């Protein structure tokens, strides 16, 4: 129903406070395996475990009221077989309360997507640059240039035909993302893709300026909260060292007044 309509607003969340903030504005909130890089200091998403996704999914669930919650299946939790994927997706849904899971891969994952859908697990697909395959790609490189465009088109078509309810298109050439959006029947969610996509997603910490060690071209900074936090922490440290904090208004007097202790 949302295909070609007002674009879907999507952001990531990994904690309850951020979930509460984004829930007011987003249609979809993704608990992404990017949590490994953003919150745990990993160099890629490959070290993220199912237990980590469940823990962060539970935290995000507590902060959401209206948004559709999707949780990533991490590397190694679904590629072996459709049966493995179902066991882990079922556990993820049962323990987090998410409405859907996301998995990476195109034609090779079509059978798994179909298997999950037939058993009550809605799937958001992810094609183009799939970060869990970063070693195969030789880095975080644009996918689908030149003759490789047909591979991405086949991937998007295959996951759509298999029953995915939406497809993330990551780091693909703009004309290709626009063409795929026009060709497939389900909404596309762009990240480094095209304005023509049916929705857009960013990592919340990226767009808020909290996560600065990895900054792709497709990220637009809507704030620089990292710089603000650094200045605030520096001011606190200076106040402590100069004995300006705590001040009298932050302390408790040793006297009792009627009705209680001040």
C-alpha atoms as a PDB file:
ATOM      1  CA  UNK A   1       0.000   0.000   0.000  1.00  0.00           C
ATOM      2  CA  UNK A   2       2.899   2.386   0.643  1.00  0.00           C
ATOM      3  CA  UNK A   3       4.556   1.694  -2.696  1.00  0.00           C
ATOM      4  CA  UNK A   4       5.033   4.997  -4.508  1.00  0.00           C
ATOM      5  CA  UNK A   5       3.318   6.946  -1.739  1.00  0.00           C
ATOM      6  CA  UNK A   6       4.783   9.289   0.899  1.00  0.00           C
ATOM      7  CA  UNK A   7       8.308   7.956   1.502  1.00  0.00           C
ATOM      8  CA  UNK A   8       8.789   5.672   4.482  1.00  0.00           C
ATOM      9  CA  UNK A   9      10.953   7.175   7.231  1.00  0.00           C
ATOM     10  CA  UNK A  10      13.350   4.643   8.738  1.00  0.00           C
ATOM     11  CA  UNK A  11      16.128   4.920  11.318  1.00  0.00           C
ATOM     12  CA  UNK A  12      18.124   2.536  13.464  1.00  0.00           C
ATOM     13  CA  UNK A  13      17.874   2.286  17.236  1.00  0.00           C
ATOM     14  CA  UNK A  14      19.754   0.137  19.723  1.00  0.00           C
ATOM     15  CA  UNK A  15      18.625   1.532  23.097  1.00  0.00           C
ATOM     16  CA  UNK A  16      15.379   2.462  24.818  1.00  0.00           C
ATOM     17  CA  UNK A  17      16.037   6.250  24.969  1.00  0.00           C
ATOM     18  CA  UNK A  18      16.828   6.488  21.239  1.00  0.00           C
ATOM     19  CA  UNK A  19      13.852   4.261  20.424  1.00  0.00           C
ATOM     20  CA  UNK A  20      11.552   6.680  22.261  1.00  0.00           C
ATOM     21  CA  UNK A  21      12.950   9.602  20.287  1.00  0.00           C
ATOM     22  CA  UNK A  22      12.701   8.053  16.828  1.00  0.00           C
ATOM     23  CA  UNK A  23       9.334   6.371  17.427  1.00  0.00           C
ATOM     24  CA  UNK A  24       7.511   9.707  17.177  1.00  0.00           C
ATOM     25  CA  UNK A  25       8.820  10.336  13.667  1.00  0.00           C
ATOM     26  CA  UNK A  26       9.546   6.987  11.992  1.00  0.00           C
ATOM     27  CA  UNK A  27       7.490   4.398  10.170  1.00  0.00           C
ATOM     28  CA  UNK A  28      10.131   1.683  10.618  1.00  0.00           C
ATOM     29  CA  UNK A  29      12.761   1.313  13.329  1.00  0.00           C
ATOM     30  CA  UNK A  30      15.564  -1.120  12.558  1.00  0.00           C
ATOM     31  CA  UNK A  31      17.633  -2.758  15.251  1.00  0.00           C
ATOM     32  CA  UNK A  32      20.586  -3.168  12.918  1.00  0.00           C
ATOM     33  CA  UNK A  33      23.678  -5.293  13.320  1.00  0.00           C
ATOM     34  CA  UNK A  34      25.504  -1.991  12.855  1.00  0.00           C
ATOM     35  CA  UNK A  35      25.174  -1.942  16.646  1.00  0.00           C
ATOM     36  CA  UNK A  36      28.428  -3.909  16.682  1.00  0.00           C
ATOM     37  CA  UNK A  37      30.335  -1.004  15.158  1.00  0.00           C
ATOM     38  CA  UNK A  38      28.356   1.854  16.689  1.00  0.00           C
ATOM     39  CA  UNK A  39      28.039   0.718  20.309  1.00  0.00           C
ATOM     40  CA  UNK A  40      30.504  -2.140  20.734  1.00  0.00           C
ATOM     41  CA  UNK A  41      33.515  -0.787  18.856  1.00  0.00           C
ATOM     42  CA  UNK A  42      33.785  -3.676  16.393  1.00  0.00           C
ATOM     43  CA  UNK A  43      35.514  -3.093  13.065  1.00  0.00           C
ATOM     44  CA  UNK A  44      32.630  -4.682  11.122  1.00  0.00           C
ATOM     45  CA  UNK A  45      29.249  -6.321  11.717  1.00  0.00           C
ATOM     46  CA  UNK A  46      30.686  -9.838  11.481  1.00  0.00           C
ATOM     47  CA  UNK A  47      31.269 -10.235  15.223  1.00  0.00           C
ATOM     48  CA  UNK A  48      27.673  -9.471  16.174  1.00  0.00           C
ATOM     49  CA  UNK A  49      25.843 -12.402  17.787  1.00  0.00           C
ATOM     50  CA  UNK A  50      22.204 -13.393  18.011  1.00  0.00           C
ATOM     51  CA  UNK A  51      22.295 -12.777  21.763  1.00  0.00           C
ATOM     52  CA  UNK A  52      23.481  -9.209  21.136  1.00  0.00           C
ATOM     53  CA  UNK A  53      20.635  -8.610  18.703  1.00  0.00           C
ATOM     54  CA  UNK A  54      18.123 -10.003  21.176  1.00  0.00           C
ATOM     55  CA  UNK A  55      19.430  -7.810  24.009  1.00  0.00           C
ATOM     56  CA  UNK A  56      19.274  -4.628  21.939  1.00  0.00           C
ATOM     57  CA  UNK A  57      15.963  -5.649  20.395  1.00  0.00           C
ATOM     58  CA  UNK A  58      14.434  -5.997  23.846  1.00  0.00           C
ATOM     59  CA  UNK A  59      15.725  -2.542  24.787  1.00  0.00           C
ATOM     60  CA  UNK A  60      14.286  -0.938  21.652  1.00  0.00           C
ATOM     61  CA  UNK A  61      10.945  -2.708  22.058  1.00  0.00           C
ATOM     62  CA  UNK A  62      10.483  -0.985  25.434  1.00  0.00           C
ATOM     63  CA  UNK A  63      10.750   2.390  23.746  1.00  0.00           C
ATOM     64  CA  UNK A  64       8.389   1.898  20.805  1.00  0.00           C
ATOM     65  CA  UNK A  65       4.656   2.557  20.621  1.00  0.00           C
ATOM     66  CA  UNK A  66       3.824   3.038  16.939  1.00  0.00           C
ATOM     67  CA  UNK A  67       6.736   2.194  14.642  1.00  0.00           C
ATOM     68  CA  UNK A  68       7.236  -1.136  12.887  1.00  0.00           C
ATOM     69  CA  UNK A  69      10.204  -2.835  14.548  1.00  0.00           C
ATOM     70  CA  UNK A  70      12.564  -4.903  12.387  1.00  0.00           C
ATOM     71  CA  UNK A  71      15.632  -6.728  13.747  1.00  0.00           C
ATOM     72  CA  UNK A  72      18.653  -7.894  11.773  1.00  0.00           C
ATOM     73  CA  UNK A  73      19.591 -11.545  11.669  1.00  0.00           C
ATOM     74  CA  UNK A  74      23.359 -11.417  12.284  1.00  0.00           C
ATOM     75  CA  UNK A  75      26.078 -13.075  10.247  1.00  0.00           C
ATOM     76  CA  UNK A  76      26.118 -16.848  10.587  1.00  0.00           C
ATOM     77  CA  UNK A  77      22.597 -17.133  11.979  1.00  0.00           C
ATOM     78  CA  UNK A  78      20.700 -17.848   8.739  1.00  0.00           C
ATOM     79  CA  UNK A  79      22.998 -18.683   5.815  1.00  0.00           C
ATOM     80  CA  UNK A  80      23.416 -22.403   6.544  1.00  0.00           C
ATOM     81  CA  UNK A  81      19.850 -23.429   5.724  1.00  0.00           C
ATOM     82  CA  UNK A  82      16.244 -22.209   5.759  1.00  0.00           C
ATOM     83  CA  UNK A  83      15.708 -24.339   8.865  1.00  0.00           C
ATOM     84  CA  UNK A  84      18.539 -22.597  10.716  1.00  0.00           C
ATOM     85  CA  UNK A  85      17.150 -19.245   9.638  1.00  0.00           C
ATOM     86  CA  UNK A  86      13.687 -20.132  10.937  1.00  0.00           C
ATOM     87  CA  UNK A  87      14.963 -21.318  14.317  1.00  0.00           C
ATOM     88  CA  UNK A  88      16.894 -18.116  14.882  1.00  0.00           C
ATOM     89  CA  UNK A  89      14.242 -15.817  13.431  1.00  0.00           C
ATOM     90  CA  UNK A  90      11.583 -17.448  15.613  1.00  0.00           C
ATOM     91  CA  UNK A  91      13.755 -16.961  18.687  1.00  0.00           C
ATOM     92  CA  UNK A  92      14.439 -13.351  17.717  1.00  0.00           C
ATOM     93  CA  UNK A  93      10.733 -12.580  17.265  1.00  0.00           C
ATOM     94  CA  UNK A  94       9.654 -14.404  20.417  1.00  0.00           C
ATOM     95  CA  UNK A  95      12.243 -12.772  22.669  1.00  0.00           C
ATOM     96  CA  UNK A  96      12.155  -9.222  21.288  1.00  0.00           C
ATOM     97  CA  UNK A  97       8.570  -8.765  20.135  1.00  0.00           C
ATOM     98  CA  UNK A  98       9.739  -7.522  16.739  1.00  0.00           C
ATOM     99  CA  UNK A  99       7.333  -7.627  13.811  1.00  0.00           C
ATOM    100  CA  UNK A 100       9.860  -8.728  11.182  1.00  0.00           C
ATOM    101  CA  UNK A 101      13.465  -9.680  10.566  1.00  0.00           C
ATOM    102  CA  UNK A 102      15.967  -8.413   8.007  1.00  0.00           C
ATOM    103  CA  UNK A 103      18.522 -10.553   6.237  1.00  0.00           C
ATOM    104  CA  UNK A 104      21.144  -9.827   3.622  1.00  0.00           C
ATOM    105  CA  UNK A 105      21.442 -11.462   0.218  1.00  0.00           C
ATOM    106  CA  UNK A 106      19.608 -11.774  -3.066  1.00  0.00           C
ATOM    107  CA  UNK A 107      19.006 -14.799  -5.257  1.00  0.00           C
ATOM    108  CA  UNK A 108      20.856 -17.120  -2.871  1.00  0.00           C
ATOM    109  CA  UNK A 109      18.533 -16.155  -0.028  1.00  0.00           C
ATOM    110  CA  UNK A 110      15.272 -16.390  -1.981  1.00  0.00           C
ATOM    111  CA  UNK A 111      14.538 -19.936  -0.808  1.00  0.00           C
ATOM    112  CA  UNK A 112      15.126 -18.914   2.797  1.00  0.00           C
ATOM    113  CA  UNK A 113      12.866 -15.871   2.481  1.00  0.00           C
ATOM    114  CA  UNK A 114      10.118 -18.023   1.017  1.00  0.00           C
ATOM    115  CA  UNK A 115      10.569 -20.613   3.793  1.00  0.00           C
ATOM    116  CA  UNK A 116      10.346 -17.962   6.522  1.00  0.00           C
ATOM    117  CA  UNK A 117       7.326 -16.245   5.015  1.00  0.00           C
ATOM    118  CA  UNK A 118       5.420 -19.521   4.792  1.00  0.00           C
ATOM    119  CA  UNK A 119       5.999 -19.977   8.528  1.00  0.00           C
ATOM    120  CA  UNK A 120       4.855 -16.563   9.700  1.00  0.00           C
ATOM    121  CA  UNK A 121       8.127 -14.622   9.642  1.00  0.00           C
ATOM    122  CA  UNK A 122       7.921 -11.387   7.615  1.00  0.00           C
ATOM    123  CA  UNK A 123      11.257 -10.583   5.932  1.00  0.00           C
ATOM    124  CA  UNK A 124      12.835  -7.312   4.891  1.00  0.00           C
ATOM    125  CA  UNK A 125      15.500  -8.118   2.298  1.00  0.00           C
ATOM    126  CA  UNK A 126      18.796  -6.280   1.786  1.00  0.00           C
ATOM    127  CA  UNK A 127      20.722  -6.184  -1.511  1.00  0.00           C
ATOM    128  CA  UNK A 128      23.500  -4.148  -3.065  1.00  0.00           C
ATOM    129  CA  UNK A 129      26.262  -3.556  -0.563  1.00  0.00           C
ATOM    130  CA  UNK A 130      25.585  -6.149   2.123  1.00  0.00           C
ATOM    131  CA  UNK A 131      27.979  -5.376   5.008  1.00  0.00           C
ATOM    132  CA  UNK A 132      28.094  -8.983   6.219  1.00  0.00           C
ATOM    133  CA  UNK A 133      29.792  -9.812   2.887  1.00  0.00           C
ATOM    134  CA  UNK A 134      32.368  -7.034   3.181  1.00  0.00           C
ATOM    135  CA  UNK A 135      35.275  -9.475   2.961  1.00  0.00           C
ATOM    136  CA  UNK A 136      33.919 -10.965  -0.253  1.00  0.00           C
ATOM    137  CA  UNK A 137      33.432  -7.500  -1.756  1.00  0.00           C
ATOM    138  CA  UNK A 138      36.901  -6.366  -0.704  1.00  0.00           C
ATOM    139  CA  UNK A 139      35.585  -3.474   1.356  1.00  0.00           C
ATOM    140  CA  UNK A 140      32.605  -1.151   1.548  1.00  0.00           C
ATOM    141  CA  UNK A 141      32.429  -0.572  -2.185  1.00  0.00           C
ATOM    142  CA  UNK A 142      29.568   0.587  -4.385  1.00  0.00           C
ATOM    143  CA  UNK A 143      27.802  -2.416  -5.923  1.00  0.00           C
ATOM    144  CA  UNK A 144      26.019  -2.663  -9.271  1.00  0.00           C
ATOM    145  CA  UNK A 145      28.174  -0.552 -11.544  1.00  0.00           C
ATOM    146  CA  UNK A 146      28.415  -1.454 -15.206  1.00  0.00           C
ATOM    147  CA  UNK A 147      27.645  -5.073 -16.033  1.00  0.00           C
ATOM    148  CA  UNK A 148      27.195  -5.831 -12.333  1.00  0.00           C
ATOM    149  CA  UNK A 149      23.903  -3.933 -12.387  1.00  0.00           C
ATOM    150  CA  UNK A 150      22.097  -7.007 -13.704  1.00  0.00           C
ATOM    151  CA  UNK A 151      23.171  -8.994 -10.636  1.00  0.00           C
ATOM    152  CA  UNK A 152      21.589  -6.446  -8.312  1.00  0.00           C
ATOM    153  CA  UNK A 153      18.423  -6.333 -10.433  1.00  0.00           C
ATOM    154  CA  UNK A 154      18.141 -10.130 -10.299  1.00  0.00           C
ATOM    155  CA  UNK A 155      18.704 -10.076  -6.556  1.00  0.00           C
ATOM    156  CA  UNK A 156      15.962  -7.499  -5.989  1.00  0.00           C
ATOM    157  CA  UNK A 157      13.541  -9.359  -8.221  1.00  0.00           C
ATOM    158  CA  UNK A 158      14.291 -12.713  -6.607  1.00  0.00           C
ATOM    159  CA  UNK A 159      13.708 -11.558  -3.029  1.00  0.00           C
ATOM    160  CA  UNK A 160      10.524  -9.767  -4.066  1.00  0.00           C
ATOM    161  CA  UNK A 161       9.196 -12.860  -5.803  1.00  0.00           C
ATOM    162  CA  UNK A 162      10.121 -14.921  -2.723  1.00  0.00           C
ATOM    163  CA  UNK A 163       7.881 -12.775  -0.526  1.00  0.00           C
ATOM    164  CA  UNK A 164      10.017 -10.048   1.064  1.00  0.00           C
ATOM    165  CA  UNK A 165       7.762  -7.149   2.093  1.00  0.00           C
ATOM    166  CA  UNK A 166      10.440  -4.542   1.369  1.00  0.00           C
ATOM    167  CA  UNK A 167      13.989  -4.362   0.031  1.00  0.00           C
ATOM    168  CA  UNK A 168      16.860  -2.271   1.349  1.00  0.00           C
ATOM    169  CA  UNK A 169      19.076  -0.983  -1.475  1.00  0.00           C
ATOM    170  CA  UNK A 170      22.486  -0.015  -0.097  1.00  0.00           C
ATOM    171  CA  UNK A 171      25.271   1.841  -1.873  1.00  0.00           C
ATOM    172  CA  UNK A 172      24.202   1.261  -5.461  1.00  0.00           C
ATOM    173  CA  UNK A 173      24.292   3.740  -8.384  1.00  0.00           C
ATOM    174  CA  UNK A 174      21.350   6.129  -8.374  1.00  0.00           C
ATOM    175  CA  UNK A 175      19.998   5.170 -11.825  1.00  0.00           C
ATOM    176  CA  UNK A 176      20.018   1.490 -10.860  1.00  0.00           C
ATOM    177  CA  UNK A 177      18.176   2.111  -7.583  1.00  0.00           C
ATOM    178  CA  UNK A 178      15.591   4.197  -9.441  1.00  0.00           C
ATOM    179  CA  UNK A 179      15.095   1.453 -12.024  1.00  0.00           C
ATOM    180  CA  UNK A 180      14.724  -1.296  -9.416  1.00  0.00           C
ATOM    181  CA  UNK A 181      12.227   0.827  -7.486  1.00  0.00           C
ATOM    182  CA  UNK A 182      10.113   1.113 -10.604  1.00  0.00           C
ATOM    183  CA  UNK A 183      10.411  -2.600 -11.417  1.00  0.00           C
ATOM    184  CA  UNK A 184       9.563  -4.353  -8.146  1.00  0.00           C
ATOM    185  CA  UNK A 185       6.182  -4.375  -6.458  1.00  0.00           C
ATOM    186  CA  UNK A 186       7.316  -3.859  -2.850  1.00  0.00           C
ATOM    187  CA  UNK A 187       8.790  -0.715  -1.286  1.00  0.00           C
ATOM    188  CA  UNK A 188      12.498  -0.055  -1.629  1.00  0.00           C
ATOM    189  CA  UNK A 189      14.351   1.507   1.292  1.00  0.00           C
ATOM    190  CA  UNK A 190      17.385   3.457   0.174  1.00  0.00           C
ATOM    191  CA  UNK A 191      20.694   4.033   1.919  1.00  0.00           C
ATOM    192  CA  UNK A 192      23.126   5.531  -0.529  1.00  0.00           C
ATOM    193  CA  UNK A 193      20.710   4.722  -3.353  1.00  0.00           C
ATOM    194  CA  UNK A 194      18.119   7.109  -4.837  1.00  0.00           C
ATOM    195  CA  UNK A 195      15.630   9.821  -3.970  1.00  0.00           C
ATOM    196  CA  UNK A 196      13.149   7.741  -5.980  1.00  0.00           C
ATOM    197  CA  UNK A 197      13.211   4.928  -3.404  1.00  0.00           C
ATOM    198  CA  UNK A 198       9.994   4.345  -1.470  1.00  0.00           C
ATOM    199  CA  UNK A 199      11.766   5.141   1.799  1.00  0.00           C
ATOM    200  CA  UNK A 200      15.116   6.113   3.280  1.00  0.00           C
ATOM    201  CA  UNK A 201      17.138   4.798   6.207  1.00  0.00           C
ATOM    202  CA  UNK A 202      20.211   5.998   8.080  1.00  0.00           C
ATOM    203  CA  UNK A 203      22.018   4.930  11.217  1.00  0.00           C
ATOM    204  CA  UNK A 204      20.725   7.276  13.921  1.00  0.00           C
ATOM    205  CA  UNK A 205      24.157   7.801  15.449  1.00  0.00           C
ATOM    206  CA  UNK A 206      25.507   8.820  12.025  1.00  0.00           C
ATOM    207  CA  UNK A 207      22.828  11.394  11.253  1.00  0.00           C
ATOM    208  CA  UNK A 208      23.027  12.794  14.810  1.00  0.00           C
ATOM    209  CA  UNK A 209      26.792  13.202  14.594  1.00  0.00           C
ATOM    210  CA  UNK A 210      27.535  10.788  17.425  1.00  0.00           C
ATOM    211  CA  UNK A 211      29.505   8.217  15.438  1.00  0.00           C
ATOM    212  CA  UNK A 212      32.368   9.760  13.482  1.00  0.00           C
ATOM    213  CA  UNK A 213      34.976   7.069  12.788  1.00  0.00           C
ATOM    214  CA  UNK A 214      33.072   5.747   9.745  1.00  0.00           C
ATOM    215  CA  UNK A 215      31.305   8.364   7.621  1.00  0.00           C
ATOM    216  CA  UNK A 216      30.073   7.231   4.195  1.00  0.00           C
ATOM    217  CA  UNK A 217      29.225   9.753   1.497  1.00  0.00           C
ATOM    218  CA  UNK A 218      25.515   8.980   1.806  1.00  0.00           C
ATOM    219  CA  UNK A 219      25.287  10.178   5.418  1.00  0.00           C
ATOM    220  CA  UNK A 220      23.827  13.625   6.022  1.00  0.00           C
ATOM    221  CA  UNK A 221      24.554  15.050   9.454  1.00  0.00           C
ATOM    222  CA  UNK A 222      21.467  16.663  10.967  1.00  0.00           C
ATOM    223  CA  UNK A 223      23.296  17.491  14.206  1.00  0.00           C
ATOM    224  CA  UNK A 224      26.789  17.340  15.694  1.00  0.00           C
ATOM    225  CA  UNK A 225      25.926  15.881  19.074  1.00  0.00           C
ATOM    226  CA  UNK A 226      29.340  14.277  19.413  1.00  0.00           C
ATOM    227  CA  UNK A 227      31.019  17.688  19.418  1.00  0.00           C
ATOM    228  CA  UNK A 228      28.441  19.028  21.866  1.00  0.00           C
ATOM    229  CA  UNK A 229      28.951  16.061  24.177  1.00  0.00           C
ATOM    230  CA  UNK A 230      32.733  16.500  24.031  1.00  0.00           C
ATOM    231  CA  UNK A 231      32.398  20.174  25.003  1.00  0.00           C
ATOM    232  CA  UNK A 232      30.022  19.319  27.846  1.00  0.00           C
ATOM    233  CA  UNK A 233      32.341  16.627  29.230  1.00  0.00           C
ATOM    234  CA  UNK A 234      35.313  18.992  28.990  1.00  0.00           C
ATOM    235  CA  UNK A 235      33.385  21.657  30.908  1.00  0.00           C
ATOM    236  CA  UNK A 236      32.437  19.123  33.596  1.00  0.00           C
ATOM    237  CA  UNK A 237      36.034  17.945  33.936  1.00  0.00           C
ATOM    238  CA  UNK A 238      37.258  21.531  34.288  1.00  0.00           C
ATOM    239  CA  UNK A 239      34.633  22.301  36.955  1.00  0.00           C
ATOM    240  CA  UNK A 240      35.621  19.237  38.965  1.00  0.00           C
ATOM    241  CA  UNK A 241      39.364  20.010  38.788  1.00  0.00           C
ATOM    242  CA  UNK A 242      38.788  23.666  39.716  1.00  0.00           C
ATOM    243  CA  UNK A 243      36.370  22.707  42.516  1.00  0.00           C
ATOM    244  CA  UNK A 244      33.483  24.610  40.904  1.00  0.00           C
ATOM    245  CA  UNK A 245      31.295  21.479  40.934  1.00  0.00           C
ATOM    246  CA  UNK A 246      29.384  20.535  42.964  1.00  0.00           C
ATOM    247  CA  UNK A 247      28.146  23.994  43.954  1.00  0.00           C
ATOM    248  CA  UNK A 248      25.914  24.775  46.924  1.00  0.00           C
ATOM    249  CA  UNK A 249      22.726  24.183  44.908  1.00  0.00           C
ATOM    250  CA  UNK A 250      23.805  20.596  44.220  1.00  0.00           C
ATOM    251  CA  UNK A 251      24.399  19.683  47.889  1.00  0.00           C
ATOM    252  CA  UNK A 252      22.195  18.719  50.850  1.00  0.00           C
ATOM    253  CA  UNK A 253      22.128  20.786  54.033  1.00  0.00           C
ATOM    254  CA  UNK A 254      22.441  19.138  57.450  1.00  0.00           C
ATOM    255  CA  UNK A 255      19.244  20.573  58.864  1.00  0.00           C
ATOM    256  CA  UNK A 256      15.673  19.463  59.288  1.00  0.00           C
ATOM    257  CA  UNK A 257      12.653  21.577  58.515  1.00  0.00           C
ATOM    258  CA  UNK A 258       9.049  20.862  59.239  1.00  0.00           C
ATOM    259  CA  UNK A 259       7.794  18.336  56.783  1.00  0.00           C
ATOM    260  CA  UNK A 260      11.144  16.743  55.978  1.00  0.00           C
ATOM    261  CA  UNK A 261      14.896  16.979  55.533  1.00  0.00           C
ATOM    262  CA  UNK A 262      16.410  19.568  53.178  1.00  0.00           C
END
